[in-house]
Structure formats: structure tokens, C-alpha cells
């Protein structure tokens, strides 16, 4: 007997039609239905479903466009990036900014500028084995971007290490903090579109570091966390890291149901509003 159940590809084609017609909620429902289809393997149609959900969830500029604006607005003297991959976010750094990138297997597609350097190390090894301040020309971090391993324990350690070399005027950006669905937000990767469980880091910072300013810009593909008012002397996270991880790894993603924007401090994807948020009191 031939199955009459719609395939993921068929559901995505229907979602595209609904999106064109302006029926965004119906389009999203069809995308979720496509992700639930019993296909044996994650397919290109499933990837298209995840990508369309991100587009529906986050209209406006994507995270790279927002980051490019931030570089121009903040004009940081120093920049540190964890998770280089192909270098798309590293390429937008201003030539005059002293930039350090960290990735155990960087796949850069463009040559580095004279003020830019990439360390082929894990972030844990980089912070353990290098004189970070010396690599930054004796200066603290003005702007950082955390986009390394997509499991929260790595992101938490990265944040702790970045904060040690920061000031209250430092801005830290964290990728993949707003999950689209449980599959793409799983700790173990089973889909090409994958943000992992970095969303847990936002909840950790809100609970254990209320002194921080923590927001999540609603931008494609999976949100961009922005953390300010850092305190390099704080040891709250490092002194309690095991207990914090145990507490939050026990949470299921369903804890966000119906309250995701509130719990993750979603911030509007509007550049004028973002610029006011990241204003660093006098820096040009």
C-alpha cells in the first residue's frame, strides 16, 4: 500500500506557499510537521524546514550583519573570537583592530590581516597555555564572540575565561542561544542545523550573575546573546561550576515552553535599539 502521509519535501513546499501568502503561523506549523516526518535520515528538506523556521522567527538582519554593525559602532581596539570555522565572522573585523581567533581546526577562506592572528587550539588550551594579555598587546578585551563547541559546559568555561580579561565596558557576544526546536537544540548533534544547548548559559548567567546585563538579540539563525557589565574579579561561576552545570543540565528544553522570550531576555532586532544597548559610555 502506498503511504498517503505527506513527505517532508511536500510539507516544505506547502510552507513556502503559506509564507508567500503572509500566513506565517501556518507556514511554521508546516515546517514543524516536516521535522516530525518519519524519514529515516535528516534530509535536505529537514534543513530547509529549520532554516525557514529561523527566518520566520527572526525577521530582519542576520547575526553577521548585526556583528558588522557592532564592530563599526564600537570600533574595538581588541577582539577575541572563539570558534573560527571558515572565518565568516572573523572577516568582518576592522583591519586596525587587534584580533585573536581560537579554533582547533580553523578553515579560513581568506588571508588574515596583519593585526589578526588565529590559534589552532581548543579554547581551554589557549587560555591555559598562552599569555592572553600579551597576545592582546597588553590590553583587555573590548569585544568578544563565543561560538565554539555547542555544549553548554564549553560555552560556560569560555565565558569564565573571557571575563578574566575583560572590563565593565567589554561586550561579549554569544551565538546559538535561542533554540528553534528540540532537535536542533539537543546536546548531541543529529541535524545539520544545530545550536546545541547553549540556551542554558543564558539561564545560568541570569540566575548566578544578576550583576550582568544579559540580553538575546532576536536575529537569525539562532539568536545572539549580548552580555555587558562584566566583572573580571568575579569568581561566582568558576567557584561553583560543577554545581551550576549539574543544576542546569537537569533542565529539559520544555522549561522554555510559552515563556521563551521572557526566560531568554529576547531583545528586538532593531539596530537603533541595539546601538543604544551596547553604548559603552563615550567610546567612539
C-alpha atoms as a PDB file:
ATOM      1  CA  UNK A   1       0.000   0.000   0.000  1.00  0.00           C
ATOM      2  CA  UNK A   2       1.287   3.467  -0.912  1.00  0.00           C
ATOM      3  CA  UNK A   3       1.597   5.840   2.037  1.00  0.00           C
ATOM      4  CA  UNK A   4      -0.604   8.922   1.905  1.00  0.00           C
ATOM      5  CA  UNK A   5       1.378  10.766   4.583  1.00  0.00           C
ATOM      6  CA  UNK A   6       2.969  13.951   3.192  1.00  0.00           C
ATOM      7  CA  UNK A   7       6.737  13.860   2.836  1.00  0.00           C
ATOM      8  CA  UNK A   8       8.978  16.474   4.399  1.00  0.00           C
ATOM      9  CA  UNK A   9       9.631  17.930   0.932  1.00  0.00           C
ATOM     10  CA  UNK A  10       5.904  18.240   0.224  1.00  0.00           C
ATOM     11  CA  UNK A  11       5.289  19.934   3.567  1.00  0.00           C
ATOM     12  CA  UNK A  12       8.098  22.430   2.948  1.00  0.00           C
ATOM     13  CA  UNK A  13       6.685  23.311  -0.457  1.00  0.00           C
ATOM     14  CA  UNK A  14       3.319  23.964   1.186  1.00  0.00           C
ATOM     15  CA  UNK A  15       5.046  26.060   3.861  1.00  0.00           C
ATOM     16  CA  UNK A  16       6.691  28.183   1.177  1.00  0.00           C
ATOM     17  CA  UNK A  17       3.289  28.906  -0.328  1.00  0.00           C
ATOM     18  CA  UNK A  18       1.848  29.883   3.053  1.00  0.00           C
ATOM     19  CA  UNK A  19       4.822  32.127   3.722  1.00  0.00           C
ATOM     20  CA  UNK A  20       4.360  33.911   0.385  1.00  0.00           C
ATOM     21  CA  UNK A  21       0.697  34.387   1.250  1.00  0.00           C
ATOM     22  CA  UNK A  22       1.704  36.009   4.538  1.00  0.00           C
ATOM     23  CA  UNK A  23       0.391  33.175   6.690  1.00  0.00           C
ATOM     24  CA  UNK A  24       3.470  32.916   8.879  1.00  0.00           C
ATOM     25  CA  UNK A  25       1.922  30.831  11.661  1.00  0.00           C
ATOM     26  CA  UNK A  26       0.604  28.277   9.193  1.00  0.00           C
ATOM     27  CA  UNK A  27       3.981  28.163   7.455  1.00  0.00           C
ATOM     28  CA  UNK A  28       5.685  27.490  10.786  1.00  0.00           C
ATOM     29  CA  UNK A  29       3.215  24.703  11.601  1.00  0.00           C
ATOM     30  CA  UNK A  30       4.027  23.025   8.290  1.00  0.00           C
ATOM     31  CA  UNK A  31       7.762  23.316   8.992  1.00  0.00           C
ATOM     32  CA  UNK A  32       7.335  21.647  12.360  1.00  0.00           C
ATOM     33  CA  UNK A  33       5.235  18.939  10.688  1.00  0.00           C
ATOM     34  CA  UNK A  34       8.043  18.395   8.169  1.00  0.00           C
ATOM     35  CA  UNK A  35      10.512  17.923  11.020  1.00  0.00           C
ATOM     36  CA  UNK A  36       8.209  15.283  12.531  1.00  0.00           C
ATOM     37  CA  UNK A  37       8.005  13.187   9.370  1.00  0.00           C
ATOM     38  CA  UNK A  38       9.334   9.654   9.868  1.00  0.00           C
ATOM     39  CA  UNK A  39      12.107   9.937   7.275  1.00  0.00           C
ATOM     40  CA  UNK A  40      14.955   7.575   8.117  1.00  0.00           C
ATOM     41  CA  UNK A  41      17.608  10.281   7.908  1.00  0.00           C
ATOM     42  CA  UNK A  42      17.775  14.025   8.393  1.00  0.00           C
ATOM     43  CA  UNK A  43      17.302  15.313   4.845  1.00  0.00           C
ATOM     44  CA  UNK A  44      17.727  18.500   2.850  1.00  0.00           C
ATOM     45  CA  UNK A  45      14.004  19.085   3.362  1.00  0.00           C
ATOM     46  CA  UNK A  46      14.536  18.977   7.130  1.00  0.00           C
ATOM     47  CA  UNK A  47      17.343  21.522   6.785  1.00  0.00           C
ATOM     48  CA  UNK A  48      15.049  23.768   4.760  1.00  0.00           C
ATOM     49  CA  UNK A  49      12.422  23.410   7.490  1.00  0.00           C
ATOM     50  CA  UNK A  50      14.870  24.537  10.167  1.00  0.00           C
ATOM     51  CA  UNK A  51      16.099  27.418   8.025  1.00  0.00           C
ATOM     52  CA  UNK A  52      12.572  28.600   7.280  1.00  0.00           C
ATOM     53  CA  UNK A  53      11.647  28.429  10.953  1.00  0.00           C
ATOM     54  CA  UNK A  54      14.640  30.643  11.712  1.00  0.00           C
ATOM     55  CA  UNK A  55      13.555  33.110   9.027  1.00  0.00           C
ATOM     56  CA  UNK A  56      10.010  33.166  10.363  1.00  0.00           C
ATOM     57  CA  UNK A  57      11.173  33.521  13.971  1.00  0.00           C
ATOM     58  CA  UNK A  58      13.810  36.173  13.275  1.00  0.00           C
ATOM     59  CA  UNK A  59      12.968  38.654  10.513  1.00  0.00           C
ATOM     60  CA  UNK A  60      15.461  41.400   9.789  1.00  0.00           C
ATOM     61  CA  UNK A  61      19.233  41.329   9.665  1.00  0.00           C
ATOM     62  CA  UNK A  62      21.119  38.130  10.475  1.00  0.00           C
ATOM     63  CA  UNK A  63      23.777  37.816  13.154  1.00  0.00           C
ATOM     64  CA  UNK A  64      26.712  38.569  10.840  1.00  0.00           C
ATOM     65  CA  UNK A  65      25.090  41.818   9.719  1.00  0.00           C
ATOM     66  CA  UNK A  66      24.431  42.790  13.331  1.00  0.00           C
ATOM     67  CA  UNK A  67      28.006  41.930  14.302  1.00  0.00           C
ATOM     68  CA  UNK A  68      29.383  44.003  11.420  1.00  0.00           C
ATOM     69  CA  UNK A  69      27.366  46.966  12.705  1.00  0.00           C
ATOM     70  CA  UNK A  70      28.724  46.377  16.209  1.00  0.00           C
ATOM     71  CA  UNK A  71      32.313  46.438  15.007  1.00  0.00           C
ATOM     72  CA  UNK A  72      31.708  49.741  13.266  1.00  0.00           C
ATOM     73  CA  UNK A  73      29.801  51.199  16.207  1.00  0.00           C
ATOM     74  CA  UNK A  74      32.154  50.095  18.980  1.00  0.00           C
ATOM     75  CA  UNK A  75      35.381  50.297  16.952  1.00  0.00           C
ATOM     76  CA  UNK A  76      37.095  47.920  19.407  1.00  0.00           C
ATOM     77  CA  UNK A  77      40.850  48.104  19.905  1.00  0.00           C
ATOM     78  CA  UNK A  78      40.863  44.388  20.752  1.00  0.00           C
ATOM     79  CA  UNK A  79      38.680  41.475  19.728  1.00  0.00           C
ATOM     80  CA  UNK A  80      38.684  37.793  20.701  1.00  0.00           C
ATOM     81  CA  UNK A  81      36.706  35.113  18.893  1.00  0.00           C
ATOM     82  CA  UNK A  82      36.228  31.502  19.947  1.00  0.00           C
ATOM     83  CA  UNK A  83      35.148  29.224  17.110  1.00  0.00           C
ATOM     84  CA  UNK A  84      36.516  30.448  13.776  1.00  0.00           C
ATOM     85  CA  UNK A  85      35.383  27.700  11.386  1.00  0.00           C
ATOM     86  CA  UNK A  86      35.518  29.257   7.881  1.00  0.00           C
ATOM     87  CA  UNK A  87      36.163  32.741   9.226  1.00  0.00           C
ATOM     88  CA  UNK A  88      32.947  34.493   8.203  1.00  0.00           C
ATOM     89  CA  UNK A  89      32.626  36.398  11.479  1.00  0.00           C
ATOM     90  CA  UNK A  90      36.390  36.984  11.669  1.00  0.00           C
ATOM     91  CA  UNK A  91      36.376  38.534   8.185  1.00  0.00           C
ATOM     92  CA  UNK A  92      34.221  41.461   9.334  1.00  0.00           C
ATOM     93  CA  UNK A  93      36.717  42.630  11.976  1.00  0.00           C
ATOM     94  CA  UNK A  94      38.148  46.045  11.211  1.00  0.00           C
ATOM     95  CA  UNK A  95      41.745  45.894   9.878  1.00  0.00           C
ATOM     96  CA  UNK A  96      43.067  48.124  12.669  1.00  0.00           C
ATOM     97  CA  UNK A  97      41.542  46.009  15.452  1.00  0.00           C
ATOM     98  CA  UNK A  98      43.991  43.667  17.185  1.00  0.00           C
ATOM     99  CA  UNK A  99      42.107  40.398  16.801  1.00  0.00           C
ATOM    100  CA  UNK A 100      42.753  36.926  18.194  1.00  0.00           C
ATOM    101  CA  UNK A 101      40.845  33.900  16.946  1.00  0.00           C
ATOM    102  CA  UNK A 102      40.772  30.450  18.531  1.00  0.00           C
ATOM    103  CA  UNK A 103      39.756  27.197  16.843  1.00  0.00           C
ATOM    104  CA  UNK A 104      41.301  23.704  16.962  1.00  0.00           C
ATOM    105  CA  UNK A 105      40.687  23.274  13.220  1.00  0.00           C
ATOM    106  CA  UNK A 106      40.238  26.657  11.508  1.00  0.00           C
ATOM    107  CA  UNK A 107      39.099  26.547   7.876  1.00  0.00           C
ATOM    108  CA  UNK A 108      39.853  30.122   6.876  1.00  0.00           C
ATOM    109  CA  UNK A 109      38.894  31.079   3.343  1.00  0.00           C
ATOM    110  CA  UNK A 110      40.639  34.453   3.270  1.00  0.00           C
ATOM    111  CA  UNK A 111      44.144  35.535   4.326  1.00  0.00           C
ATOM    112  CA  UNK A 112      44.499  37.170   7.727  1.00  0.00           C
ATOM    113  CA  UNK A 113      45.277  40.848   8.114  1.00  0.00           C
ATOM    114  CA  UNK A 114      48.499  41.998   9.811  1.00  0.00           C
ATOM    115  CA  UNK A 115      46.690  42.674  13.113  1.00  0.00           C
ATOM    116  CA  UNK A 116      44.758  39.410  13.098  1.00  0.00           C
ATOM    117  CA  UNK A 117      46.007  36.057  14.388  1.00  0.00           C
ATOM    118  CA  UNK A 118      44.359  32.648  14.729  1.00  0.00           C
ATOM    119  CA  UNK A 119      45.481  29.988  17.216  1.00  0.00           C
ATOM    120  CA  UNK A 120      44.815  26.386  16.160  1.00  0.00           C
ATOM    121  CA  UNK A 121      43.963  25.275  19.690  1.00  0.00           C
ATOM    122  CA  UNK A 122      40.939  24.432  21.761  1.00  0.00           C
ATOM    123  CA  UNK A 123      39.800  27.395  23.793  1.00  0.00           C
ATOM    124  CA  UNK A 124      40.664  25.588  27.035  1.00  0.00           C
ATOM    125  CA  UNK A 125      44.224  25.045  25.813  1.00  0.00           C
ATOM    126  CA  UNK A 126      44.545  28.613  24.556  1.00  0.00           C
ATOM    127  CA  UNK A 127      43.660  30.163  27.892  1.00  0.00           C
ATOM    128  CA  UNK A 128      45.780  27.625  29.769  1.00  0.00           C
ATOM    129  CA  UNK A 129      48.910  27.852  27.633  1.00  0.00           C
ATOM    130  CA  UNK A 130      49.131  31.451  26.423  1.00  0.00           C
ATOM    131  CA  UNK A 131      49.706  34.878  27.922  1.00  0.00           C
ATOM    132  CA  UNK A 132      46.371  36.270  26.808  1.00  0.00           C
ATOM    133  CA  UNK A 133      47.117  39.887  27.682  1.00  0.00           C
ATOM    134  CA  UNK A 134      50.387  39.722  25.772  1.00  0.00           C
ATOM    135  CA  UNK A 135      48.576  38.381  22.711  1.00  0.00           C
ATOM    136  CA  UNK A 136      46.217  41.349  23.007  1.00  0.00           C
ATOM    137  CA  UNK A 137      49.062  43.840  23.085  1.00  0.00           C
ATOM    138  CA  UNK A 138      48.836  44.293  26.851  1.00  0.00           C
ATOM    139  CA  UNK A 139      45.184  45.369  26.641  1.00  0.00           C
ATOM    140  CA  UNK A 140      41.971  43.832  27.917  1.00  0.00           C
ATOM    141  CA  UNK A 141      39.214  42.556  25.633  1.00  0.00           C
ATOM    142  CA  UNK A 142      36.915  45.188  24.145  1.00  0.00           C
ATOM    143  CA  UNK A 143      34.679  42.816  22.178  1.00  0.00           C
ATOM    144  CA  UNK A 144      34.441  39.004  22.253  1.00  0.00           C
ATOM    145  CA  UNK A 145      32.415  36.427  20.364  1.00  0.00           C
ATOM    146  CA  UNK A 146      31.827  32.931  21.776  1.00  0.00           C
ATOM    147  CA  UNK A 147      30.862  30.436  19.087  1.00  0.00           C
ATOM    148  CA  UNK A 148      32.809  27.296  19.904  1.00  0.00           C
ATOM    149  CA  UNK A 149      31.531  23.886  20.971  1.00  0.00           C
ATOM    150  CA  UNK A 150      27.738  23.781  21.076  1.00  0.00           C
ATOM    151  CA  UNK A 151      27.525  22.198  24.510  1.00  0.00           C
ATOM    152  CA  UNK A 152      26.925  24.440  27.471  1.00  0.00           C
ATOM    153  CA  UNK A 153      29.871  23.348  29.625  1.00  0.00           C
ATOM    154  CA  UNK A 154      32.286  24.562  26.936  1.00  0.00           C
ATOM    155  CA  UNK A 155      30.472  27.868  26.497  1.00  0.00           C
ATOM    156  CA  UNK A 156      30.399  28.412  30.258  1.00  0.00           C
ATOM    157  CA  UNK A 157      34.146  27.844  30.550  1.00  0.00           C
ATOM    158  CA  UNK A 158      34.712  30.145  27.582  1.00  0.00           C
ATOM    159  CA  UNK A 159      32.691  32.884  29.234  1.00  0.00           C
ATOM    160  CA  UNK A 160      34.563  32.487  32.517  1.00  0.00           C
ATOM    161  CA  UNK A 161      37.906  32.737  30.727  1.00  0.00           C
ATOM    162  CA  UNK A 162      36.868  35.710  28.591  1.00  0.00           C
ATOM    163  CA  UNK A 163      35.607  37.625  31.617  1.00  0.00           C
ATOM    164  CA  UNK A 164      39.021  37.337  33.318  1.00  0.00           C
ATOM    165  CA  UNK A 165      40.458  39.585  30.607  1.00  0.00           C
ATOM    166  CA  UNK A 166      37.528  41.991  30.379  1.00  0.00           C
ATOM    167  CA  UNK A 167      36.386  45.260  31.948  1.00  0.00           C
ATOM    168  CA  UNK A 168      32.921  46.630  32.746  1.00  0.00           C
ATOM    169  CA  UNK A 169      32.964  48.192  29.258  1.00  0.00           C
ATOM    170  CA  UNK A 170      33.609  44.880  27.471  1.00  0.00           C
ATOM    171  CA  UNK A 171      30.860  43.451  25.274  1.00  0.00           C
ATOM    172  CA  UNK A 172      30.610  39.662  24.978  1.00  0.00           C
ATOM    173  CA  UNK A 173      28.529  38.120  22.208  1.00  0.00           C
ATOM    174  CA  UNK A 174      27.364  34.502  22.417  1.00  0.00           C
ATOM    175  CA  UNK A 175      25.988  32.639  19.416  1.00  0.00           C
ATOM    176  CA  UNK A 176      23.251  29.974  19.300  1.00  0.00           C
ATOM    177  CA  UNK A 177      21.421  30.922  22.483  1.00  0.00           C
ATOM    178  CA  UNK A 178      17.809  30.911  21.210  1.00  0.00           C
ATOM    179  CA  UNK A 179      16.695  27.368  20.282  1.00  0.00           C
ATOM    180  CA  UNK A 180      14.398  26.778  17.319  1.00  0.00           C
ATOM    181  CA  UNK A 181      13.208  23.283  18.268  1.00  0.00           C
ATOM    182  CA  UNK A 182      14.281  20.365  20.496  1.00  0.00           C
ATOM    183  CA  UNK A 183      16.081  18.524  17.682  1.00  0.00           C
ATOM    184  CA  UNK A 184      18.415  21.382  16.771  1.00  0.00           C
ATOM    185  CA  UNK A 185      18.881  22.255  20.448  1.00  0.00           C
ATOM    186  CA  UNK A 186      19.910  18.764  21.531  1.00  0.00           C
ATOM    187  CA  UNK A 187      23.268  18.244  23.246  1.00  0.00           C
ATOM    188  CA  UNK A 188      24.213  15.550  20.740  1.00  0.00           C
ATOM    189  CA  UNK A 189      24.085  16.567  17.119  1.00  0.00           C
ATOM    190  CA  UNK A 190      21.569  14.782  14.907  1.00  0.00           C
ATOM    191  CA  UNK A 191      20.807  17.561  12.411  1.00  0.00           C
ATOM    192  CA  UNK A 192      22.791  19.810  10.108  1.00  0.00           C
ATOM    193  CA  UNK A 193      21.066  22.844  11.644  1.00  0.00           C
ATOM    194  CA  UNK A 194      22.350  22.629  15.228  1.00  0.00           C
ATOM    195  CA  UNK A 195      22.589  25.169  18.020  1.00  0.00           C
ATOM    196  CA  UNK A 196      23.129  22.697  20.859  1.00  0.00           C
ATOM    197  CA  UNK A 197      22.190  23.541  24.431  1.00  0.00           C
ATOM    198  CA  UNK A 198      23.872  26.955  24.687  1.00  0.00           C
ATOM    199  CA  UNK A 199      20.464  28.375  25.665  1.00  0.00           C
ATOM    200  CA  UNK A 200      21.200  27.025  29.139  1.00  0.00           C
ATOM    201  CA  UNK A 201      24.066  29.524  29.511  1.00  0.00           C
ATOM    202  CA  UNK A 202      21.647  32.451  29.391  1.00  0.00           C
ATOM    203  CA  UNK A 203      19.641  30.956  32.256  1.00  0.00           C
ATOM    204  CA  UNK A 204      22.820  30.328  34.237  1.00  0.00           C
ATOM    205  CA  UNK A 205      24.032  33.903  33.857  1.00  0.00           C
ATOM    206  CA  UNK A 206      20.636  35.338  34.777  1.00  0.00           C
ATOM    207  CA  UNK A 207      20.435  33.287  37.986  1.00  0.00           C
ATOM    208  CA  UNK A 208      24.020  33.321  39.231  1.00  0.00           C
ATOM    209  CA  UNK A 209      25.231  36.641  37.844  1.00  0.00           C
ATOM    210  CA  UNK A 210      22.396  39.157  38.245  1.00  0.00           C
ATOM    211  CA  UNK A 211      25.063  41.884  38.167  1.00  0.00           C
ATOM    212  CA  UNK A 212      25.490  41.243  34.442  1.00  0.00           C
ATOM    213  CA  UNK A 213      23.376  42.766  31.699  1.00  0.00           C
ATOM    214  CA  UNK A 214      22.150  39.782  29.660  1.00  0.00           C
ATOM    215  CA  UNK A 215      20.039  40.007  26.519  1.00  0.00           C
ATOM    216  CA  UNK A 216      19.421  37.904  23.411  1.00  0.00           C
ATOM    217  CA  UNK A 217      19.028  39.723  20.122  1.00  0.00           C
ATOM    218  CA  UNK A 218      16.362  38.040  18.001  1.00  0.00           C
ATOM    219  CA  UNK A 219      18.477  37.504  14.912  1.00  0.00           C
ATOM    220  CA  UNK A 220      18.979  34.579  12.525  1.00  0.00           C
ATOM    221  CA  UNK A 221      19.718  31.805  12.737  1.00  0.00           C
ATOM    222  CA  UNK A 222      19.515  31.110  16.493  1.00  0.00           C
ATOM    223  CA  UNK A 223      19.825  34.385  18.368  1.00  0.00           C
ATOM    224  CA  UNK A 224      22.834  36.383  19.521  1.00  0.00           C
ATOM    225  CA  UNK A 225      23.447  36.786  23.233  1.00  0.00           C
ATOM    226  CA  UNK A 226      24.929  40.084  24.385  1.00  0.00           C
ATOM    227  CA  UNK A 227      26.462  40.347  27.856  1.00  0.00           C
ATOM    228  CA  UNK A 228      27.732  43.575  29.429  1.00  0.00           C
ATOM    229  CA  UNK A 229      28.885  44.989  32.764  1.00  0.00           C
ATOM    230  CA  UNK A 230      31.470  42.254  33.184  1.00  0.00           C
ATOM    231  CA  UNK A 231      33.491  41.854  36.363  1.00  0.00           C
ATOM    232  CA  UNK A 232      36.928  40.222  35.939  1.00  0.00           C
ATOM    233  CA  UNK A 233      37.174  39.771  39.722  1.00  0.00           C
ATOM    234  CA  UNK A 234      34.034  37.665  39.984  1.00  0.00           C
ATOM    235  CA  UNK A 235      34.541  34.006  40.903  1.00  0.00           C
ATOM    236  CA  UNK A 236      30.903  33.044  41.303  1.00  0.00           C
ATOM    237  CA  UNK A 237      30.804  30.947  38.147  1.00  0.00           C
ATOM    238  CA  UNK A 238      34.254  29.390  38.418  1.00  0.00           C
ATOM    239  CA  UNK A 239      33.878  28.517  42.109  1.00  0.00           C
ATOM    240  CA  UNK A 240      30.506  26.838  41.546  1.00  0.00           C
ATOM    241  CA  UNK A 241      30.858  25.483  38.027  1.00  0.00           C
ATOM    242  CA  UNK A 242      30.164  21.835  38.831  1.00  0.00           C
ATOM    243  CA  UNK A 243      27.025  22.597  40.833  1.00  0.00           C
ATOM    244  CA  UNK A 244      25.758  25.059  38.204  1.00  0.00           C
ATOM    245  CA  UNK A 245      26.233  22.572  35.395  1.00  0.00           C
ATOM    246  CA  UNK A 246      24.547  19.791  37.352  1.00  0.00           C
ATOM    247  CA  UNK A 247      21.565  22.053  38.056  1.00  0.00           C
ATOM    248  CA  UNK A 248      21.027  23.265  34.514  1.00  0.00           C
ATOM    249  CA  UNK A 249      21.853  20.065  32.662  1.00  0.00           C
ATOM    250  CA  UNK A 250      18.917  18.573  34.539  1.00  0.00           C
ATOM    251  CA  UNK A 251      16.561  21.037  32.836  1.00  0.00           C
ATOM    252  CA  UNK A 252      14.602  19.902  29.802  1.00  0.00           C
ATOM    253  CA  UNK A 253      14.096  22.368  26.970  1.00  0.00           C
ATOM    254  CA  UNK A 254      10.372  22.226  27.717  1.00  0.00           C
ATOM    255  CA  UNK A 255      11.112  24.615  30.599  1.00  0.00           C
ATOM    256  CA  UNK A 256      11.059  27.345  27.938  1.00  0.00           C
ATOM    257  CA  UNK A 257       7.594  26.445  26.628  1.00  0.00           C
ATOM    258  CA  UNK A 258       5.353  29.500  26.492  1.00  0.00           C
ATOM    259  CA  UNK A 259       7.994  31.712  28.132  1.00  0.00           C
ATOM    260  CA  UNK A 260      10.973  31.514  25.806  1.00  0.00           C
ATOM    261  CA  UNK A 261      11.206  35.240  25.055  1.00  0.00           C
ATOM    262  CA  UNK A 262      10.920  36.132  28.736  1.00  0.00           C
ATOM    263  CA  UNK A 263      13.316  33.494  30.032  1.00  0.00           C
ATOM    264  CA  UNK A 264      15.962  34.235  27.409  1.00  0.00           C
ATOM    265  CA  UNK A 265      15.594  38.033  27.651  1.00  0.00           C
ATOM    266  CA  UNK A 266      14.806  38.428  23.962  1.00  0.00           C
ATOM    267  CA  UNK A 267      15.715  41.860  22.619  1.00  0.00           C
ATOM    268  CA  UNK A 268      14.331  43.440  19.468  1.00  0.00           C
ATOM    269  CA  UNK A 269      16.327  43.038  16.267  1.00  0.00           C
ATOM    270  CA  UNK A 270      16.354  46.760  15.549  1.00  0.00           C
ATOM    271  CA  UNK A 271      19.726  48.395  15.071  1.00  0.00           C
ATOM    272  CA  UNK A 272      18.828  51.732  16.672  1.00  0.00           C
ATOM    273  CA  UNK A 273      17.718  49.905  19.825  1.00  0.00           C
ATOM    274  CA  UNK A 274      20.747  47.602  19.781  1.00  0.00           C
ATOM    275  CA  UNK A 275      23.103  50.550  19.394  1.00  0.00           C
ATOM    276  CA  UNK A 276      21.635  52.172  22.495  1.00  0.00           C
ATOM    277  CA  UNK A 277      22.001  48.862  24.362  1.00  0.00           C
ATOM    278  CA  UNK A 278      25.692  48.493  23.541  1.00  0.00           C
ATOM    279  CA  UNK A 279      26.631  52.129  24.067  1.00  0.00           C
ATOM    280  CA  UNK A 280      29.837  51.973  26.080  1.00  0.00           C
ATOM    281  CA  UNK A 281      29.838  55.439  27.619  1.00  0.00           C
ATOM    282  CA  UNK A 282      31.957  57.561  25.400  1.00  0.00           C
ATOM    283  CA  UNK A 283      33.796  55.107  23.178  1.00  0.00           C
ATOM    284  CA  UNK A 284      33.662  56.414  19.586  1.00  0.00           C
END
